[in-house]
N, C-alpha and C. Protein backbone atom coordinates (compact mmCIF):
# COMPACT_ATOMS: atom_id res chain seq x y z
N MET A 1 -103.64 -22.36 -15.86
CA MET A 1 -102.26 -21.90 -16.10
C MET A 1 -101.96 -20.93 -14.84
N ASP A 2 -102.84 -19.91 -14.48
CA ASP A 2 -102.84 -19.04 -13.52
C ASP A 2 -102.58 -19.85 -11.89
N ASP A 3 -103.24 -20.98 -11.90
CA ASP A 3 -103.00 -21.50 -10.56
C ASP A 3 -101.42 -21.98 -10.45
N PHE A 4 -100.98 -22.52 -11.59
CA PHE A 4 -99.77 -22.97 -11.78
C PHE A 4 -98.72 -21.93 -11.30
N GLU A 5 -98.80 -20.72 -11.99
CA GLU A 5 -98.15 -19.71 -11.62
C GLU A 5 -98.16 -19.08 -10.15
N ASP A 6 -99.60 -19.23 -9.59
CA ASP A 6 -99.63 -18.59 -8.13
C ASP A 6 -98.98 -19.90 -7.18
N GLU A 7 -98.93 -21.02 -7.70
CA GLU A 7 -98.35 -21.94 -6.92
C GLU A 7 -96.62 -21.64 -6.84
N LEU A 8 -96.23 -21.52 -8.03
CA LEU A 8 -94.91 -21.18 -8.20
C LEU A 8 -94.34 -19.89 -7.37
N LYS A 9 -95.19 -18.95 -7.48
CA LYS A 9 -94.92 -17.68 -6.72
C LYS A 9 -94.94 -17.87 -5.14
N GLU A 10 -96.02 -18.69 -4.76
CA GLU A 10 -95.89 -19.11 -3.34
C GLU A 10 -94.78 -19.83 -2.79
N GLN A 11 -94.32 -20.79 -3.82
CA GLN A 11 -93.21 -21.56 -3.35
C GLN A 11 -91.77 -20.91 -3.25
N TYR A 12 -91.72 -20.13 -4.35
CA TYR A 12 -90.39 -19.53 -4.39
C TYR A 12 -90.23 -17.96 -3.91
N THR A 13 -91.19 -17.22 -3.45
CA THR A 13 -91.15 -16.16 -3.04
C THR A 13 -91.26 -15.92 -1.49
N GLY A 14 -91.19 -17.22 -0.69
CA GLY A 14 -91.15 -17.08 0.53
C GLY A 14 -89.90 -16.32 1.12
N ARG A 15 -89.85 -16.38 2.37
CA ARG A 15 -88.64 -15.64 3.28
C ARG A 15 -87.60 -16.58 3.19
N ILE A 16 -86.59 -16.17 2.88
CA ILE A 16 -85.23 -16.90 2.81
C ILE A 16 -84.36 -16.61 4.02
N ASP A 17 -84.02 -17.38 4.88
CA ASP A 17 -83.20 -17.00 6.01
C ASP A 17 -81.73 -17.15 5.40
N ILE A 18 -80.77 -16.75 6.52
CA ILE A 18 -79.43 -16.85 6.23
C ILE A 18 -78.74 -18.14 5.64
N LYS A 19 -79.19 -19.11 6.38
CA LYS A 19 -78.87 -20.42 6.39
C LYS A 19 -79.28 -21.01 4.88
N GLY A 20 -80.75 -20.60 4.56
CA GLY A 20 -80.77 -21.05 3.22
C GLY A 20 -80.29 -20.23 2.20
N ALA A 21 -79.91 -18.96 2.35
CA ALA A 21 -79.39 -18.40 1.26
C ALA A 21 -77.90 -18.70 1.08
N LEU A 22 -77.28 -18.99 2.21
CA LEU A 22 -75.69 -19.59 2.32
C LEU A 22 -75.66 -21.19 1.64
N SER A 23 -76.80 -21.87 2.10
CA SER A 23 -76.64 -23.34 1.59
C SER A 23 -77.34 -23.75 0.43
N GLY A 24 -78.25 -22.77 -0.04
CA GLY A 24 -79.17 -23.10 -1.01
C GLY A 24 -80.08 -24.27 -0.62
N SER A 25 -80.73 -24.32 0.36
CA SER A 25 -81.73 -25.38 0.73
C SER A 25 -82.99 -24.52 0.96
N PHE A 26 -84.01 -25.40 0.62
CA PHE A 26 -85.23 -24.76 0.95
C PHE A 26 -85.86 -24.96 2.45
N PRO A 27 -86.78 -24.32 2.94
CA PRO A 27 -87.47 -24.45 4.07
C PRO A 27 -88.27 -25.72 4.13
N GLY A 28 -87.98 -26.66 4.84
CA GLY A 28 -88.52 -27.96 5.49
C GLY A 28 -88.01 -29.19 4.51
N GLU A 29 -86.66 -28.68 3.87
CA GLU A 29 -86.13 -29.75 3.14
C GLU A 29 -85.30 -30.83 3.81
N LYS A 30 -85.25 -31.97 3.56
CA LYS A 30 -84.35 -33.03 4.26
C LYS A 30 -83.00 -32.75 4.13
N SER A 31 -82.20 -33.05 5.30
CA SER A 31 -80.95 -32.81 5.29
C SER A 31 -80.24 -33.96 4.32
N LEU A 32 -78.92 -33.50 4.11
CA LEU A 32 -78.13 -34.52 3.01
C LEU A 32 -78.10 -35.94 3.57
N LEU A 33 -77.73 -36.10 4.96
CA LEU A 33 -77.50 -37.26 5.35
C LEU A 33 -78.77 -38.03 5.56
N GLU A 34 -80.10 -37.60 5.62
CA GLU A 34 -81.27 -38.16 5.43
C GLU A 34 -81.59 -38.61 3.89
N GLU A 35 -81.39 -37.84 3.05
CA GLU A 35 -81.31 -38.08 1.66
C GLU A 35 -80.53 -39.27 1.26
N LEU A 36 -79.39 -39.41 1.72
CA LEU A 36 -78.47 -40.49 1.46
C LEU A 36 -78.76 -41.73 2.35
N SER A 37 -79.66 -41.96 3.17
CA SER A 37 -79.99 -42.68 4.21
C SER A 37 -78.84 -43.11 4.93
N ILE A 38 -78.13 -42.11 5.69
CA ILE A 38 -77.10 -42.32 6.50
C ILE A 38 -77.74 -42.17 7.88
N ASP A 39 -77.67 -42.89 8.72
CA ASP A 39 -78.28 -42.76 10.14
C ASP A 39 -76.97 -42.88 11.00
N LEU A 40 -76.40 -41.72 11.55
CA LEU A 40 -75.44 -41.64 12.39
C LEU A 40 -75.50 -42.25 13.76
N ASN A 41 -76.80 -42.31 14.25
CA ASN A 41 -77.07 -43.05 15.53
C ASN A 41 -76.91 -44.55 15.12
N MET A 42 -77.42 -45.00 14.19
CA MET A 42 -77.25 -46.46 13.95
C MET A 42 -75.83 -46.74 13.76
N ILE A 43 -75.06 -46.05 12.95
CA ILE A 43 -73.70 -46.32 12.93
C ILE A 43 -72.84 -46.43 14.26
N LYS A 44 -73.25 -45.53 15.16
CA LYS A 44 -72.63 -45.24 16.49
C LYS A 44 -72.95 -46.60 17.20
N THR A 45 -74.26 -47.32 17.14
CA THR A 45 -74.72 -48.23 17.92
C THR A 45 -74.25 -49.44 17.27
N GLU A 46 -74.15 -49.77 16.08
CA GLU A 46 -73.39 -50.81 15.32
C GLU A 46 -72.03 -50.93 15.58
N SER A 47 -71.41 -49.94 15.69
CA SER A 47 -69.76 -49.94 15.91
C SER A 47 -69.58 -50.41 17.01
N LEU A 48 -70.33 -50.65 18.03
CA LEU A 48 -70.25 -51.22 19.55
C LEU A 48 -70.74 -52.53 19.46
N LEU A 49 -70.74 -53.30 18.26
CA LEU A 49 -71.18 -54.51 18.00
C LEU A 49 -70.32 -55.61 18.66
N PRO A 50 -68.88 -55.44 18.69
CA PRO A 50 -68.31 -56.34 19.57
C PRO A 50 -68.17 -56.42 21.14
N LEU A 51 -68.77 -55.31 21.70
CA LEU A 51 -68.98 -55.51 23.01
C LEU A 51 -70.59 -56.04 23.22
N LYS A 52 -71.62 -55.90 22.31
CA LYS A 52 -72.77 -56.60 22.44
C LYS A 52 -72.70 -58.06 22.21
N VAL A 53 -71.93 -58.49 21.48
CA VAL A 53 -71.70 -59.96 21.18
C VAL A 53 -71.06 -60.64 22.36
N LEU A 54 -70.24 -60.21 23.17
CA LEU A 54 -69.71 -60.59 24.42
C LEU A 54 -70.49 -60.92 25.46
N LYS A 55 -71.49 -60.11 25.35
CA LYS A 55 -72.63 -60.56 26.35
C LYS A 55 -73.25 -61.82 25.97
N HIS A 56 -73.34 -62.83 27.05
CA HIS A 56 -73.95 -64.28 26.54
C HIS A 56 -75.51 -64.07 26.34
N ASN A 57 -76.17 -63.15 26.88
CA ASN A 57 -77.52 -63.21 26.69
C ASN A 57 -78.05 -62.63 25.22
N THR A 58 -77.13 -62.30 24.67
CA THR A 58 -77.38 -61.57 23.22
C THR A 58 -77.54 -62.54 22.13
N THR A 59 -78.51 -62.78 21.72
CA THR A 59 -78.56 -63.83 20.56
C THR A 59 -78.90 -63.39 19.25
N GLU A 60 -79.74 -62.22 19.27
CA GLU A 60 -80.08 -61.71 17.94
C GLU A 60 -79.63 -60.19 17.93
N VAL A 61 -78.77 -59.89 16.78
CA VAL A 61 -78.09 -58.89 16.71
C VAL A 61 -78.84 -58.15 15.11
N ASN A 62 -79.04 -56.97 15.15
CA ASN A 62 -79.70 -56.37 14.04
C ASN A 62 -78.71 -56.27 12.84
N VAL A 63 -78.76 -57.13 11.74
CA VAL A 63 -78.04 -57.23 10.61
C VAL A 63 -78.70 -56.20 9.57
N SER A 64 -77.96 -55.08 8.99
CA SER A 64 -78.59 -54.43 7.76
C SER A 64 -77.57 -54.35 6.80
N SER A 65 -77.82 -53.79 5.79
CA SER A 65 -77.10 -53.57 4.53
C SER A 65 -76.34 -52.39 4.44
N ASP A 66 -76.13 -51.68 5.49
CA ASP A 66 -75.61 -50.39 5.40
C ASP A 66 -73.91 -50.56 5.30
N VAL A 67 -73.46 -49.89 4.32
CA VAL A 67 -71.99 -49.82 4.22
C VAL A 67 -71.22 -48.47 4.73
N THR A 68 -72.18 -47.68 5.14
CA THR A 68 -71.26 -46.39 5.23
C THR A 68 -70.62 -46.69 6.53
N GLY A 69 -71.03 -47.28 7.62
CA GLY A 69 -70.46 -47.40 8.74
C GLY A 69 -69.04 -48.27 8.48
N PRO A 70 -69.02 -49.10 7.97
CA PRO A 70 -67.79 -50.03 7.56
C PRO A 70 -66.86 -49.17 6.71
N ILE A 71 -67.42 -48.40 5.95
CA ILE A 71 -66.20 -47.75 5.07
C ILE A 71 -65.70 -46.49 6.13
N ILE A 72 -66.62 -45.90 6.96
CA ILE A 72 -65.93 -45.03 7.94
C ILE A 72 -65.08 -45.52 8.87
N ILE A 73 -65.18 -47.02 9.33
CA ILE A 73 -64.24 -47.59 10.13
C ILE A 73 -62.95 -47.86 9.43
N LEU A 74 -63.14 -48.20 8.04
CA LEU A 74 -61.75 -48.43 7.12
C LEU A 74 -61.06 -47.25 7.15
N VAL A 75 -61.74 -46.02 6.87
CA VAL A 75 -61.00 -44.89 6.69
C VAL A 75 -60.40 -44.52 8.11
N VAL A 76 -60.96 -44.59 9.23
CA VAL A 76 -60.14 -44.35 10.51
C VAL A 76 -59.18 -45.36 10.64
N PHE A 77 -59.29 -46.53 10.37
CA PHE A 77 -58.15 -47.57 10.32
C PHE A 77 -56.93 -46.88 9.64
N THR A 78 -57.37 -46.53 8.18
CA THR A 78 -56.11 -45.97 7.26
C THR A 78 -55.44 -44.75 7.68
N LEU A 79 -56.38 -43.82 8.48
CA LEU A 79 -55.73 -42.74 9.19
C LEU A 79 -54.76 -43.05 10.39
N SER A 80 -55.07 -43.73 11.09
CA SER A 80 -54.40 -44.33 12.18
C SER A 80 -52.97 -44.99 11.62
N LEU A 81 -53.23 -45.67 10.51
CA LEU A 81 -51.89 -46.05 9.99
C LEU A 81 -51.20 -44.87 9.28
N VAL A 82 -51.65 -44.16 8.67
CA VAL A 82 -50.95 -42.84 8.16
C VAL A 82 -50.17 -42.09 9.24
N ILE A 83 -50.95 -42.08 10.24
CA ILE A 83 -50.45 -41.17 11.54
C ILE A 83 -49.00 -41.69 11.94
N GLN A 84 -49.16 -43.19 11.69
CA GLN A 84 -47.91 -43.87 12.16
C GLN A 84 -46.85 -44.22 11.19
N GLY A 85 -47.17 -43.46 10.07
CA GLY A 85 -46.43 -43.48 8.98
C GLY A 85 -46.10 -44.59 7.91
N LYS A 86 -47.51 -45.43 8.26
CA LYS A 86 -47.33 -46.69 7.32
C LYS A 86 -48.63 -46.29 6.10
N LEU A 87 -48.21 -46.42 5.14
CA LEU A 87 -49.18 -46.05 4.05
C LEU A 87 -49.49 -47.47 3.21
N HIS A 88 -50.46 -48.01 3.67
CA HIS A 88 -51.03 -49.25 3.10
C HIS A 88 -52.21 -49.32 2.44
N PHE A 89 -52.63 -47.97 1.86
CA PHE A 89 -54.10 -47.72 1.18
C PHE A 89 -54.57 -48.88 0.26
N GLY A 90 -53.66 -49.20 -0.50
CA GLY A 90 -54.02 -50.51 -1.44
C GLY A 90 -54.12 -51.65 -0.78
N TYR A 91 -53.47 -52.19 0.10
CA TYR A 91 -53.47 -53.46 0.69
C TYR A 91 -54.81 -53.33 1.68
N ILE A 92 -55.12 -52.44 2.45
CA ILE A 92 -56.20 -52.19 3.36
C ILE A 92 -57.46 -52.51 2.41
N TYR A 93 -57.56 -51.79 1.13
CA TYR A 93 -58.87 -52.01 0.37
C TYR A 93 -58.92 -53.38 -0.38
N LEU A 94 -57.73 -53.85 -0.75
CA LEU A 94 -57.80 -55.15 -1.37
C LEU A 94 -58.17 -56.33 -0.45
N ILE A 95 -57.62 -56.08 0.79
CA ILE A 95 -57.81 -57.14 1.60
C ILE A 95 -59.25 -57.41 2.15
N SER A 96 -59.79 -55.90 2.45
CA SER A 96 -61.17 -55.69 2.83
C SER A 96 -62.20 -56.35 1.84
N LEU A 97 -61.96 -55.87 0.51
CA LEU A 97 -62.95 -56.40 -0.52
C LEU A 97 -62.79 -57.89 -0.90
N THR A 98 -61.30 -58.21 -0.79
CA THR A 98 -61.34 -59.77 -1.09
C THR A 98 -61.81 -60.72 0.17
N SER A 99 -61.52 -60.45 1.17
CA SER A 99 -62.19 -61.24 2.31
C SER A 99 -63.49 -61.07 2.45
N SER A 100 -64.09 -59.93 2.29
CA SER A 100 -65.49 -59.80 2.28
C SER A 100 -66.25 -60.59 1.09
N PHE A 101 -65.66 -60.70 -0.27
CA PHE A 101 -66.16 -61.39 -1.09
C PHE A 101 -66.00 -62.64 -1.17
N LEU A 102 -64.98 -63.19 -0.54
CA LEU A 102 -64.62 -64.76 -0.22
C LEU A 102 -65.64 -65.09 0.95
N MET A 103 -65.71 -64.46 1.78
CA MET A 103 -66.82 -64.78 2.86
C MET A 103 -68.28 -64.80 2.31
N PHE A 104 -68.45 -63.97 1.39
CA PHE A 104 -69.86 -64.02 0.57
C PHE A 104 -70.00 -65.26 0.01
N ILE A 105 -69.10 -65.95 -0.83
CA ILE A 105 -68.86 -67.07 -1.35
C ILE A 105 -69.08 -68.35 -0.42
N LEU A 106 -68.38 -68.04 0.64
CA LEU A 106 -68.25 -69.32 1.72
C LEU A 106 -69.74 -69.35 2.35
N LEU A 107 -70.35 -68.42 2.77
CA LEU A 107 -71.46 -68.34 3.39
C LEU A 107 -72.57 -68.65 2.34
N ASN A 108 -72.63 -68.27 1.12
CA ASN A 108 -73.59 -68.85 0.36
C ASN A 108 -73.56 -70.35 -0.12
N LEU A 109 -72.30 -70.96 0.05
CA LEU A 109 -72.02 -72.43 -0.24
C LEU A 109 -72.59 -73.06 1.12
N LEU A 110 -72.41 -72.50 2.41
CA LEU A 110 -72.97 -73.11 3.59
C LEU A 110 -73.94 -73.19 3.75
N THR A 111 -75.05 -72.19 3.23
CA THR A 111 -76.32 -72.17 3.65
C THR A 111 -77.16 -72.12 2.40
N SER A 112 -78.43 -72.42 2.59
CA SER A 112 -79.53 -72.29 1.49
C SER A 112 -80.15 -71.05 1.29
N LYS A 113 -80.15 -70.26 2.55
CA LYS A 113 -80.65 -68.76 2.65
C LYS A 113 -80.38 -68.12 1.77
N GLY A 114 -79.11 -68.01 1.48
CA GLY A 114 -78.37 -66.86 0.88
C GLY A 114 -78.03 -65.52 1.57
N VAL A 115 -77.09 -65.03 1.38
CA VAL A 115 -76.70 -63.64 1.80
C VAL A 115 -76.26 -62.67 0.97
N ASP A 116 -76.54 -61.44 1.07
CA ASP A 116 -76.23 -60.37 0.22
C ASP A 116 -74.79 -60.03 0.65
N TYR A 117 -74.09 -59.54 -0.40
CA TYR A 117 -72.75 -59.17 -0.36
C TYR A 117 -72.58 -57.89 0.69
N SER A 118 -73.65 -56.98 0.54
CA SER A 118 -73.31 -55.82 1.43
C SER A 118 -73.56 -56.10 2.70
N ILE A 119 -74.45 -57.24 3.09
CA ILE A 119 -74.43 -57.60 4.59
C ILE A 119 -73.18 -58.24 5.02
N CYS A 120 -72.25 -59.02 4.12
CA CYS A 120 -70.82 -59.32 4.47
C CYS A 120 -70.09 -58.33 4.79
N CYS A 121 -70.19 -57.32 3.94
CA CYS A 121 -69.33 -56.12 4.20
C CYS A 121 -69.68 -55.47 5.55
N ASN A 122 -70.80 -55.50 5.84
CA ASN A 122 -71.48 -54.54 7.12
C ASN A 122 -71.03 -55.41 8.08
N ILE A 123 -70.96 -56.72 8.34
CA ILE A 123 -70.61 -57.43 9.61
C ILE A 123 -69.37 -57.34 9.69
N MET A 124 -68.54 -57.91 8.56
CA MET A 124 -67.15 -57.68 8.77
C MET A 124 -66.49 -56.33 8.87
N GLY A 125 -67.13 -55.17 8.53
CA GLY A 125 -66.58 -53.75 8.79
C GLY A 125 -66.73 -53.66 10.13
N TYR A 126 -68.05 -53.71 10.76
CA TYR A 126 -68.18 -53.72 12.01
C TYR A 126 -67.58 -54.40 13.09
N SER A 127 -67.31 -55.62 12.62
CA SER A 127 -66.62 -56.40 13.56
C SER A 127 -65.10 -55.98 13.55
N MET A 128 -64.61 -55.36 12.65
CA MET A 128 -63.17 -54.90 12.86
C MET A 128 -62.89 -53.63 13.65
N THR A 129 -63.99 -53.34 14.72
CA THR A 129 -63.69 -52.26 15.58
C THR A 129 -62.40 -52.51 16.50
N PRO A 130 -62.31 -53.78 17.03
CA PRO A 130 -61.33 -53.97 18.01
C PRO A 130 -59.79 -53.79 16.95
N ILE A 131 -59.67 -54.16 15.80
CA ILE A 131 -58.72 -53.80 15.24
C ILE A 131 -58.21 -52.36 15.07
N VAL A 132 -59.31 -51.54 14.92
CA VAL A 132 -59.15 -50.23 15.15
C VAL A 132 -58.66 -49.62 16.19
N ALA A 133 -59.44 -50.01 17.34
CA ALA A 133 -58.87 -49.72 18.48
C ALA A 133 -57.35 -50.16 18.81
N PHE A 134 -57.11 -51.33 18.41
CA PHE A 134 -55.67 -51.74 18.51
C PHE A 134 -54.86 -50.90 17.76
N SER A 135 -55.19 -50.57 16.45
CA SER A 135 -54.34 -49.76 15.84
C SER A 135 -54.08 -48.29 16.41
N LEU A 136 -55.22 -47.67 17.11
CA LEU A 136 -55.17 -46.45 17.53
C LEU A 136 -54.30 -46.53 18.88
N GLY A 137 -54.58 -47.55 19.83
CA GLY A 137 -53.98 -47.93 20.83
C GLY A 137 -52.39 -48.09 20.73
N SER A 138 -51.96 -48.54 19.44
CA SER A 138 -50.51 -48.97 19.16
C SER A 138 -49.87 -47.70 19.22
N MET A 139 -50.53 -46.60 18.71
CA MET A 139 -49.58 -45.43 18.69
C MET A 139 -49.28 -44.99 20.09
N VAL A 140 -50.25 -45.16 20.97
CA VAL A 140 -49.80 -44.91 22.43
C VAL A 140 -48.69 -45.80 23.14
N LEU A 141 -48.75 -47.15 22.57
CA LEU A 141 -47.96 -48.17 23.14
C LEU A 141 -46.72 -48.20 22.44
N VAL A 142 -46.08 -47.04 22.24
CA VAL A 142 -44.73 -47.30 21.52
C VAL A 142 -43.54 -47.85 22.40
N TRP A 143 -43.92 -47.62 23.57
CA TRP A 143 -42.62 -48.10 24.54
C TRP A 143 -42.87 -49.58 24.66
N THR A 144 -44.02 -50.16 24.26
CA THR A 144 -43.90 -51.55 24.72
C THR A 144 -43.06 -52.53 23.59
N GLY A 145 -42.92 -53.55 23.85
CA GLY A 145 -42.09 -54.35 22.91
C GLY A 145 -43.13 -54.98 21.91
N MET A 146 -42.27 -55.57 21.00
CA MET A 146 -43.18 -56.27 19.74
C MET A 146 -43.91 -57.48 20.47
N PHE A 147 -43.36 -58.16 21.46
CA PHE A 147 -44.00 -59.37 21.68
C PHE A 147 -45.56 -59.02 22.57
N ILE A 148 -45.54 -58.07 23.22
CA ILE A 148 -46.84 -57.67 23.89
C ILE A 148 -47.62 -57.12 22.89
N LYS A 149 -47.27 -56.49 21.98
CA LYS A 149 -48.23 -55.92 20.82
C LYS A 149 -48.60 -56.98 20.20
N SER A 150 -47.96 -58.02 19.62
CA SER A 150 -48.44 -59.26 19.04
C SER A 150 -49.52 -59.97 19.86
N ILE A 151 -49.12 -60.31 21.11
CA ILE A 151 -50.24 -60.83 21.87
C ILE A 151 -51.44 -60.08 21.86
N LEU A 152 -51.38 -58.84 21.89
CA LEU A 152 -52.71 -58.02 22.12
C LEU A 152 -53.35 -58.02 20.68
N GLY A 153 -52.65 -57.98 19.36
CA GLY A 153 -53.07 -57.83 18.25
C GLY A 153 -53.71 -59.31 17.85
N ILE A 154 -53.28 -60.49 18.46
CA ILE A 154 -53.72 -61.59 18.16
C ILE A 154 -55.12 -61.62 18.84
N GLY A 155 -55.18 -61.43 20.22
CA GLY A 155 -56.37 -61.20 21.03
C GLY A 155 -57.42 -60.27 20.34
N MET A 156 -57.01 -59.05 19.72
CA MET A 156 -58.08 -58.10 18.99
C MET A 156 -58.55 -58.91 17.80
N SER A 157 -57.74 -59.64 16.86
CA SER A 157 -58.00 -60.35 15.86
C SER A 157 -58.86 -61.38 16.25
N ALA A 158 -58.62 -62.16 17.25
CA ALA A 158 -59.78 -63.29 17.61
C ALA A 158 -60.91 -62.71 18.15
N TRP A 159 -61.01 -61.58 18.88
CA TRP A 159 -62.17 -60.82 19.15
C TRP A 159 -63.14 -60.40 17.97
N SER A 160 -62.36 -59.90 16.88
CA SER A 160 -63.13 -59.48 15.89
C SER A 160 -63.47 -60.82 15.01
N ALA A 161 -62.94 -61.85 14.96
CA ALA A 161 -63.24 -62.84 14.22
C ALA A 161 -64.36 -63.69 14.92
N TYR A 162 -64.31 -63.70 16.36
CA TYR A 162 -65.72 -64.19 17.13
C TYR A 162 -66.68 -63.39 16.75
N THR A 163 -66.78 -62.07 16.78
CA THR A 163 -67.90 -61.14 16.69
C THR A 163 -68.36 -61.54 15.35
N ALA A 164 -67.63 -61.43 14.17
CA ALA A 164 -68.36 -61.41 13.02
C ALA A 164 -68.83 -62.99 12.64
N SER A 165 -68.11 -64.06 13.22
CA SER A 165 -68.57 -65.45 13.14
C SER A 165 -69.74 -65.49 14.09
N LYS A 166 -69.89 -65.05 15.06
CA LYS A 166 -71.36 -65.18 15.86
C LYS A 166 -72.37 -64.52 15.19
N VAL A 167 -72.32 -63.36 14.70
CA VAL A 167 -73.36 -62.53 14.19
C VAL A 167 -73.85 -63.39 12.83
N VAL A 168 -72.92 -63.88 12.04
CA VAL A 168 -73.11 -64.30 10.80
C VAL A 168 -73.88 -65.65 11.10
N CYS A 169 -73.36 -66.35 11.86
CA CYS A 169 -73.93 -67.94 12.27
C CYS A 169 -75.12 -67.87 12.97
N THR A 170 -75.35 -66.53 13.66
CA THR A 170 -76.81 -66.40 14.41
C THR A 170 -77.78 -65.89 13.29
N HIS A 171 -77.45 -65.19 12.52
CA HIS A 171 -78.21 -64.45 11.28
C HIS A 171 -78.65 -65.82 10.45
N LEU A 172 -77.71 -66.49 10.11
CA LEU A 172 -77.96 -67.54 9.14
C LEU A 172 -78.27 -69.03 9.65
N SER A 173 -78.39 -69.10 10.94
CA SER A 173 -78.77 -70.27 11.75
C SER A 173 -77.78 -71.32 11.27
N LEU A 174 -76.23 -71.03 11.32
CA LEU A 174 -75.15 -71.85 11.17
C LEU A 174 -74.40 -72.13 12.34
N VAL A 175 -74.98 -72.19 13.61
CA VAL A 175 -74.42 -72.06 14.85
C VAL A 175 -73.16 -73.36 15.00
N GLU A 176 -73.64 -74.35 14.54
CA GLU A 176 -72.55 -75.69 14.33
C GLU A 176 -71.75 -75.53 13.45
N LYS A 177 -71.57 -74.47 12.65
CA LYS A 177 -70.32 -74.48 11.61
C LYS A 177 -69.56 -72.90 11.91
N MET A 178 -69.48 -72.73 13.19
CA MET A 178 -69.13 -71.45 13.83
C MET A 178 -67.41 -71.44 13.34
N VAL A 179 -66.80 -72.48 13.56
CA VAL A 179 -65.58 -72.59 13.43
C VAL A 179 -65.10 -72.50 12.05
N VAL A 180 -65.84 -73.11 11.24
CA VAL A 180 -65.65 -73.10 9.73
C VAL A 180 -65.82 -71.84 9.20
N VAL A 181 -66.78 -70.77 9.75
CA VAL A 181 -66.64 -69.34 9.44
C VAL A 181 -65.58 -68.47 10.05
N GLY A 182 -65.44 -68.81 11.31
CA GLY A 182 -64.43 -68.01 12.06
C GLY A 182 -62.99 -68.28 11.65
N TYR A 183 -62.78 -69.33 11.25
CA TYR A 183 -61.21 -69.35 10.88
C TYR A 183 -60.72 -68.29 9.82
N PRO A 184 -61.52 -68.43 8.54
CA PRO A 184 -61.10 -67.49 7.60
C PRO A 184 -61.09 -66.01 8.05
N LEU A 185 -62.08 -65.77 8.84
CA LEU A 185 -62.41 -64.41 9.20
C LEU A 185 -61.09 -64.01 10.23
N PHE A 186 -60.73 -65.10 11.14
CA PHE A 186 -59.54 -64.74 11.79
C PHE A 186 -58.18 -64.42 10.90
N LEU A 187 -57.97 -65.20 10.01
CA LEU A 187 -56.89 -64.92 8.94
C LEU A 187 -56.94 -63.67 8.38
N ALA A 188 -58.23 -63.26 7.87
CA ALA A 188 -58.45 -61.80 7.37
C ALA A 188 -57.93 -60.84 8.50
N TYR A 189 -58.57 -61.07 9.67
CA TYR A 189 -58.26 -59.80 10.62
C TYR A 189 -56.65 -59.97 11.10
N MET A 190 -56.14 -61.04 11.08
CA MET A 190 -54.67 -61.01 11.22
C MET A 190 -53.96 -60.23 10.09
N CYS A 191 -54.42 -60.38 9.13
CA CYS A 191 -53.83 -59.60 7.90
C CYS A 191 -53.78 -57.91 8.29
N PHE A 192 -55.03 -57.61 8.83
CA PHE A 192 -54.95 -56.16 9.10
C PHE A 192 -54.11 -55.95 10.32
N MET A 193 -54.06 -56.88 11.37
CA MET A 193 -53.22 -56.70 12.46
C MET A 193 -51.74 -56.60 12.18
N MET A 194 -51.33 -57.44 11.25
CA MET A 194 -49.98 -57.40 10.77
C MET A 194 -49.36 -56.00 10.25
N MET A 195 -50.72 -55.32 9.26
CA MET A 195 -50.36 -54.10 8.95
C MET A 195 -50.01 -52.78 10.14
N VAL A 196 -50.53 -53.29 11.19
CA VAL A 196 -50.61 -52.17 12.42
C VAL A 196 -49.07 -52.65 13.00
N LEU A 197 -48.67 -53.94 12.76
CA LEU A 197 -47.39 -54.06 13.57
C LEU A 197 -46.23 -53.85 12.73
N PHE A 198 -46.35 -54.13 11.54
CA PHE A 198 -45.03 -54.00 10.69
C PHE A 198 -45.15 -52.97 9.46
């Protein structure tokens, strides 16, 4: 019993610095991001996924089941629309969840390997980066006409769909079915593009 009390005294009577006193953390304790398994460096590198896929020598892309990055991308997309005065919260989350769920069903029908829903959310979320860039850019391109914005939006939607379909088809060895996977993705990303335009 005395050993246990001595251990407790050692543990709780150490020096407390000002950071520990204000935050309630112990010395040597992991940060909250580490405890929640959120890696900001991985989110930063995976958000550049559309640029990696455009390189022709890139055949293998790291696919993880992290959904924190796609949620951050959706929040940035939502905030960019709010700044423009477009309040589409329900539509954004409805379309993103529905399209990723339908993609999950389609991919599990096409392959015998099977794919997790979190991987579908991850790939579709990180591939949405060009749409988010288009949304942020459309705030600056106020002076351009609707025709130019539409062409840019269709291009960004095609880029997002190409990125997601290439990553999925490479990961699941479905290269011959890239169009079958890419077409519904293009339609989903076009819905997001129309939210930016209208």
